C-alpha atoms as a PDB file:
ATOM      1  CA  UNK A   1      -0.689  11.473   7.133  1.00  0.00           C
ATOM      2  CA  UNK A   2       0.322   7.835   6.913  1.00  0.00           C
ATOM      3  CA  UNK A   3       0.737   7.299   3.295  1.00  0.00           C
ATOM      4  CA  UNK A   4       3.390  10.475   3.805  1.00  0.00           C
ATOM      5  CA  UNK A   5       5.705   8.927   6.666  1.00  0.00           C
ATOM      6  CA  UNK A   6       5.331   5.972   5.126  1.00  0.00           C
ATOM      7  CA  UNK A   7       6.686   7.104   2.101  1.00  0.00           C
ATOM      8  CA  UNK A   8       9.435   9.287   3.501  1.00  0.00           C
ATOM      9  CA  UNK A   9      10.380   6.441   6.709  1.00  0.00           C
ATOM     10  CA  UNK A  10      10.959   3.836   3.037  1.00  0.00           C
ATOM     11  CA  UNK A  11      12.248   6.457   0.619  1.00  0.00           C
ATOM     12  CA  UNK A  12      15.083   8.777   2.774  1.00  0.00           C
ATOM     13  CA  UNK A  13      17.132   5.487   3.111  1.00  0.00           C
ATOM     14  CA  UNK A  14      16.637   3.958  -0.371  1.00  0.00           C
ATOM     15  CA  UNK A  15      17.988   6.748  -1.587  1.00  0.00           C
ATOM     16  CA  UNK A  16      20.200   7.420   0.930  1.00  0.00           C
ATOM     17  CA  UNK A  17      21.606   3.920   0.551  1.00  0.00           C
ATOM     18  CA  UNK A  18      21.567   3.578  -3.239  1.00  0.00           C
ATOM     19  CA  UNK A  19      23.535   6.643  -3.342  1.00  0.00           C
ATOM     20  CA  UNK A  20      26.161   5.949  -0.668  1.00  0.00           C
ATOM     21  CA  UNK A  21      26.324   1.933  -2.650  1.00  0.00           C
ATOM     22  CA  UNK A  22      27.517   4.054  -6.063  1.00  0.00           C
ATOM     23  CA  UNK A  23      29.777   6.152  -4.551  1.00  0.00           C
ATOM     24  CA  UNK A  24      31.105   3.984  -2.312  1.00  0.00           C
ATOM     25  CA  UNK A  25      31.004   5.740   1.104  1.00  0.00           C
ATOM     26  CA  UNK A  26      30.179   2.764   3.145  1.00  0.00           C
ATOM     27  CA  UNK A  27      31.113   4.310   6.483  1.00  0.00           C
ATOM     28  CA  UNK A  28      28.762   7.058   5.541  1.00  0.00           C
ATOM     29  CA  UNK A  29      26.082   4.817   4.889  1.00  0.00           C
ATOM     30  CA  UNK A  30      26.694   2.922   8.053  1.00  0.00           C
ATOM     31  CA  UNK A  31      26.303   5.943  10.188  1.00  0.00           C
ATOM     32  CA  UNK A  32      23.581   7.604   8.705  1.00  0.00           C
ATOM     33  CA  UNK A  33      21.633   3.967   8.888  1.00  0.00           C
ATOM     34  CA  UNK A  34      22.223   4.012  12.577  1.00  0.00           C
ATOM     35  CA  UNK A  35      21.599   7.920  13.079  1.00  0.00           C
ATOM     36  CA  UNK A  36      17.739   7.062  10.651  1.00  0.00           C
ATOM     37  CA  UNK A  37      17.406   4.056  13.042  1.00  0.00           C
ATOM     38  CA  UNK A  38      18.277   5.772  16.295  1.00  0.00           C
ATOM     39  CA  UNK A  39      15.972   8.724  15.348  1.00  0.00           C
ATOM     40  CA  UNK A  40      13.307   6.571  14.449  1.00  0.00           C
ATOM     41  CA  UNK A  41      13.241   4.574  17.845  1.00  0.00           C
ATOM     42  CA  UNK A  42      13.887   7.883  19.956  1.00  0.00           C
ATOM     43  CA  UNK A  43      10.826   9.307  18.214  1.00  0.00           C
ATOM     44  CA  UNK A  44       8.894   6.385  18.584  1.00  0.00           C
ATOM     45  CA  UNK A  45       9.191   6.345  22.390  1.00  0.00           C
ATOM     46  CA  UNK A  46       9.408  10.051  22.901  1.00  0.00           C
ATOM     47  CA  UNK A  47       5.977  11.286  20.743  1.00  0.00           C
ATOM     48  CA  UNK A  48       2.839   9.589  21.324  1.00  0.00           C
ATOM     49  CA  UNK A  49       1.690  10.598  17.487  1.00  0.00           C
ATOM     50  CA  UNK A  50       3.815   7.554  15.675  1.00  0.00           C
ATOM     51  CA  UNK A  51       3.186   5.272  18.673  1.00  0.00           C
ATOM     52  CA  UNK A  52      -0.497   5.953  18.401  1.00  0.00           C
ATOM     53  CA  UNK A  53      -0.574   5.640  15.265  1.00  0.00           C
ATOM     54  CA  UNK A  54       1.206   2.145  15.780  1.00  0.00           C
ATOM     55  CA  UNK A  55      -1.419   0.998  18.422  1.00  0.00           C
ATOM     56  CA  UNK A  56      -4.447   2.236  16.301  1.00  0.00           C
ATOM     57  CA  UNK A  57      -3.104  -0.144  13.395  1.00  0.00           C
ATOM     58  CA  UNK A  58      -2.503  -3.117  15.998  1.00  0.00           C
ATOM     59  CA  UNK A  59      -5.760  -2.465  17.008  1.00  0.00           C
ATOM     60  CA  UNK A  60      -7.737  -2.297  14.126  1.00  0.00           C
ATOM     61  CA  UNK A  61      -6.098  -5.086  13.191  1.00  0.00           C
ATOM     62  CA  UNK A  62      -7.269  -7.183  16.029  1.00  0.00           C
ATOM     63  CA  UNK A  63     -10.537  -6.191  15.304  1.00  0.00           C
ATOM     64  CA  UNK A  64     -10.758  -7.823  12.112  1.00  0.00           C
ATOM     65  CA  UNK A  65      -8.675 -10.474  13.495  1.00  0.00           C
ATOM     66  CA  UNK A  66     -11.887 -11.268  15.601  1.00  0.00           C
ATOM     67  CA  UNK A  67     -14.198 -10.203  13.541  1.00  0.00           C
ATOM     68  CA  UNK A  68     -15.663  -7.608  15.705  1.00  0.00           C
ATOM     69  CA  UNK A  69     -16.485  -4.570  14.060  1.00  0.00           C
ATOM     70  CA  UNK A  70     -19.651  -5.056  12.353  1.00  0.00           C
ATOM     71  CA  UNK A  71     -20.404  -1.446  11.245  1.00  0.00           C
ATOM     72  CA  UNK A  72     -17.133  -1.017   8.825  1.00  0.00           C
ATOM     73  CA  UNK A  73     -16.046   1.477  10.598  1.00  0.00           C
ATOM     74  CA  UNK A  74     -12.215   1.285  11.380  1.00  0.00           C
ATOM     75  CA  UNK A  75     -10.574   2.769   8.770  1.00  0.00           C
ATOM     76  CA  UNK A  76      -7.646  -0.406   8.160  1.00  0.00           C
ATOM     77  CA  UNK A  77     -10.983  -2.695   8.457  1.00  0.00           C
ATOM     78  CA  UNK A  78     -12.457  -1.129   5.761  1.00  0.00           C
ATOM     79  CA  UNK A  79      -9.791  -0.689   3.651  1.00  0.00           C
ATOM     80  CA  UNK A  80      -8.750  -4.706   4.184  1.00  0.00           C
ATOM     81  CA  UNK A  81     -12.392  -5.810   3.724  1.00  0.00           C
ATOM     82  CA  UNK A  82     -12.155  -3.779   0.688  1.00  0.00           C
ATOM     83  CA  UNK A  83      -9.124  -5.447  -0.631  1.00  0.00           C
ATOM     84  CA  UNK A  84     -10.340  -8.907   0.272  1.00  0.00           C
ATOM     85  CA  UNK A  85     -13.604  -8.686  -1.405  1.00  0.00           C
ATOM     86  CA  UNK A  86     -11.260  -7.345  -4.559  1.00  0.00           C
ATOM     87  CA  UNK A  87      -9.074 -10.387  -4.417  1.00  0.00           C
ATOM     88  CA  UNK A  88     -12.189 -12.848  -4.517  1.00  0.00           C
ATOM     89  CA  UNK A  89     -13.409 -10.622  -7.571  1.00  0.00           C
ATOM     90  CA  UNK A  90     -10.198 -10.889  -9.375  1.00  0.00           C
ATOM     91  CA  UNK A  91      -9.737 -14.998  -8.759  1.00  0.00           C
ATOM     92  CA  UNK A  92     -13.234 -15.601  -9.693  1.00  0.00           C
ATOM     93  CA  UNK A  93     -12.735 -13.865 -12.717  1.00  0.00           C
ATOM     94  CA  UNK A  94      -8.937 -14.661 -13.699  1.00  0.00           C
ATOM     95  CA  UNK A  95      -8.718 -14.238 -17.486  1.00  0.00           C
ATOM     96  CA  UNK A  96     -10.658 -11.009 -18.136  1.00  0.00           C
ATOM     97  CA  UNK A  97     -11.600  -9.570 -14.848  1.00  0.00           C
ATOM     98  CA  UNK A  98     -15.256  -7.838 -14.456  1.00  0.00           C
ATOM     99  CA  UNK A  99     -13.768  -4.891 -16.666  1.00  0.00           C
ATOM    100  CA  UNK A 100     -12.944  -1.788 -15.449  1.00  0.00           C
ATOM    101  CA  UNK A 101     -16.194  -0.142 -15.374  1.00  0.00           C
ATOM    102  CA  UNK A 102     -17.819  -2.832 -13.892  1.00  0.00           C
ATOM    103  CA  UNK A 103     -15.871  -3.570 -10.826  1.00  0.00           C
ATOM    104  CA  UNK A 104     -17.846  -0.687  -7.908  1.00  0.00           C
ATOM    105  CA  UNK A 105     -21.075  -2.754  -9.405  1.00  0.00           C
ATOM    106  CA  UNK A 106     -19.314  -6.026  -8.620  1.00  0.00           C
ATOM    107  CA  UNK A 107     -18.387  -4.689  -4.869  1.00  0.00           C
ATOM    108  CA  UNK A 108     -21.552  -3.208  -4.133  1.00  0.00           C
ATOM    109  CA  UNK A 109     -23.535  -6.835  -5.174  1.00  0.00           C
ATOM    110  CA  UNK A 110     -20.599  -8.542  -2.174  1.00  0.00           C
ATOM    111  CA  UNK A 111     -21.339  -6.260   0.099  1.00  0.00           C
ATOM    112  CA  UNK A 112     -25.311  -6.513  -0.653  1.00  0.00           C
ATOM    113  CA  UNK A 113     -25.238  -9.562  -0.186  1.00  0.00           C
ATOM    114  CA  UNK A 114     -22.954 -10.694   2.755  1.00  0.00           C
ATOM    115  CA  UNK A 115     -22.822  -7.183   4.804  1.00  0.00           C
ATOM    116  CA  UNK A 116     -25.845  -5.536   4.364  1.00  0.00           C
ATOM    117  CA  UNK A 117     -25.293  -3.879   7.508  1.00  0.00           C
ATOM    118  CA  UNK A 118     -22.718  -1.385   6.611  1.00  0.00           C
ATOM    119  CA  UNK A 119     -24.147   2.014   5.285  1.00  0.00           C
ATOM    120  CA  UNK A 120     -23.579   2.905   1.899  1.00  0.00           C
ATOM    121  CA  UNK A 121     -21.023   5.196   2.505  1.00  0.00           C
ATOM    122  CA  UNK A 122     -18.727   3.440   4.620  1.00  0.00           C
ATOM    123  CA  UNK A 123     -18.151   0.562   2.151  1.00  0.00           C
ATOM    124  CA  UNK A 124     -14.686   0.796   0.868  1.00  0.00           C
ATOM    125  CA  UNK A 125     -13.437   0.830  -2.854  1.00  0.00           C
ATOM    126  CA  UNK A 126     -10.492  -1.554  -3.706  1.00  0.00           C
ATOM    127  CA  UNK A 127      -7.984   0.329  -1.793  1.00  0.00           C
ATOM    128  CA  UNK A 128      -5.051  -1.634  -3.732  1.00  0.00           C
ATOM    129  CA  UNK A 129      -4.175  -0.501  -7.443  1.00  0.00           C
ATOM    130  CA  UNK A 130      -3.250  -3.956  -8.269  1.00  0.00           C
ATOM    131  CA  UNK A 131      -6.132  -5.655  -7.105  1.00  0.00           C
ATOM    132  CA  UNK A 132      -8.092  -3.020  -8.532  1.00  0.00           C
ATOM    133  CA  UNK A 133      -6.305  -4.138 -11.939  1.00  0.00           C
ATOM    134  CA  UNK A 134      -6.709  -7.811 -11.488  1.00  0.00           C
ATOM    135  CA  UNK A 135     -10.164  -7.129 -10.576  1.00  0.00           C
ATOM    136  CA  UNK A 136     -10.779  -5.478 -13.259  1.00  0.00           C
ATOM    137  CA  UNK A 137      -9.055  -6.845 -16.181  1.00  0.00           C
ATOM    138  CA  UNK A 138      -7.840 -10.362 -15.011  1.00  0.00           C
ATOM    139  CA  UNK A 139      -4.421 -11.354 -14.525  1.00  0.00           C
ATOM    140  CA  UNK A 140      -2.309 -11.766 -17.660  1.00  0.00           C
ATOM    141  CA  UNK A 141      -2.958  -7.623 -17.834  1.00  0.00           C
ATOM    142  CA  UNK A 142      -2.563  -7.380 -13.970  1.00  0.00           C
ATOM    143  CA  UNK A 143       0.898  -8.642 -14.614  1.00  0.00           C
ATOM    144  CA  UNK A 144       1.619  -6.536 -17.617  1.00  0.00           C
ATOM    145  CA  UNK A 145       0.411  -3.548 -15.370  1.00  0.00           C
ATOM    146  CA  UNK A 146       3.070  -4.800 -12.979  1.00  0.00           C
ATOM    147  CA  UNK A 147       5.925  -4.683 -15.887  1.00  0.00           C
ATOM    148  CA  UNK A 148       4.836  -1.685 -16.914  1.00  0.00           C
ATOM    149  CA  UNK A 149       4.707   0.190 -13.275  1.00  0.00           C
ATOM    150  CA  UNK A 150       8.312  -1.674 -12.340  1.00  0.00           C
ATOM    151  CA  UNK A 151      10.337  -0.655 -15.579  1.00  0.00           C
ATOM    152  CA  UNK A 152      11.001   2.606 -15.075  1.00  0.00           C
ATOM    153  CA  UNK A 153      12.106   2.149 -10.851  1.00  0.00           C
ATOM    154  CA  UNK A 154      14.623  -0.289 -12.572  1.00  0.00           C
ATOM    155  CA  UNK A 155      15.918   2.223 -15.271  1.00  0.00           C
ATOM    156  CA  UNK A 156      16.180   5.269 -12.821  1.00  0.00           C
ATOM    157  CA  UNK A 157      18.150   3.121 -10.626  1.00  0.00           C
ATOM    158  CA  UNK A 158      19.948   1.138 -13.230  1.00  0.00           C
ATOM    159  CA  UNK A 159      21.038   4.514 -14.822  1.00  0.00           C
ATOM    160  CA  UNK A 160      21.815   5.781 -11.081  1.00  0.00           C
ATOM    161  CA  UNK A 161      19.185   8.334 -11.650  1.00  0.00           C
ATOM    162  CA  UNK A 162      18.213   7.950  -7.587  1.00  0.00           C
ATOM    163  CA  UNK A 163      16.178  11.098  -6.624  1.00  0.00           C
ATOM    164  CA  UNK A 164      13.941   9.797  -9.430  1.00  0.00           C
ATOM    165  CA  UNK A 165      13.898   6.429  -8.952  1.00  0.00           C
ATOM    166  CA  UNK A 166      13.657   7.548  -4.981  1.00  0.00           C
ATOM    167  CA  UNK A 167      10.329   9.241  -5.956  1.00  0.00           C
ATOM    168  CA  UNK A 168       9.273   6.715  -8.317  1.00  0.00           C
ATOM    169  CA  UNK A 169       9.279   4.197  -5.670  1.00  0.00           C
ATOM    170  CA  UNK A 170       7.076   6.383  -3.203  1.00  0.00           C
ATOM    171  CA  UNK A 171       4.395   6.721  -5.945  1.00  0.00           C
ATOM    172  CA  UNK A 172       4.825   2.773  -6.794  1.00  0.00           C
ATOM    173  CA  UNK A 173       3.885   2.094  -2.712  1.00  0.00           C
ATOM    174  CA  UNK A 174       1.252   4.910  -2.781  1.00  0.00           C
ATOM    175  CA  UNK A 175      -0.301   2.432  -5.870  1.00  0.00           C
ATOM    176  CA  UNK A 176      -0.802  -0.568  -2.940  1.00  0.00           C
ATOM    177  CA  UNK A 177      -3.114   1.238  -0.347  1.00  0.00           C
ATOM    178  CA  UNK A 178      -4.787   4.066  -3.060  1.00  0.00           C
ATOM    179  CA  UNK A 179      -6.183   3.231  -6.552  1.00  0.00           C
ATOM    180  CA  UNK A 180      -5.929   5.813  -9.215  1.00  0.00           C
END
């Protein structure tokens, strides 16, 4: 749910801004962004759903900062911990990584050594595609992957294919919290 909402909340203003800037409709852009921003504030204040999601994320972040979540049951804590472990793998193996096929085994070994109290079903995998590539392939291939991923985004916006650019931007955003 949060993934879809975040993609919409980011994609809509980006599309609107791109299209309006291209058409030089600055007044429309300004009014639209004020309306979107005002709607966001009203929705946040009047509905519990968005506020509860924000409160949950803040609570979970506090838990991980204080190292309280010892059973690894909170969603954001699991994701952040697994990404942190993935980043450690990437830093320890910067040239060639550990191999895409071996990332899962290396993660399992790290959990076994550092967090034996975590049940295997609650142990997370690397949730960030970029960190996953860095851990599996090393930094050189990771940067090549980033260039390959971002090139279409730049091409879409440069060629004024705003709908495709915005949809592709949503895809790129998803790579930050889900590996494929």
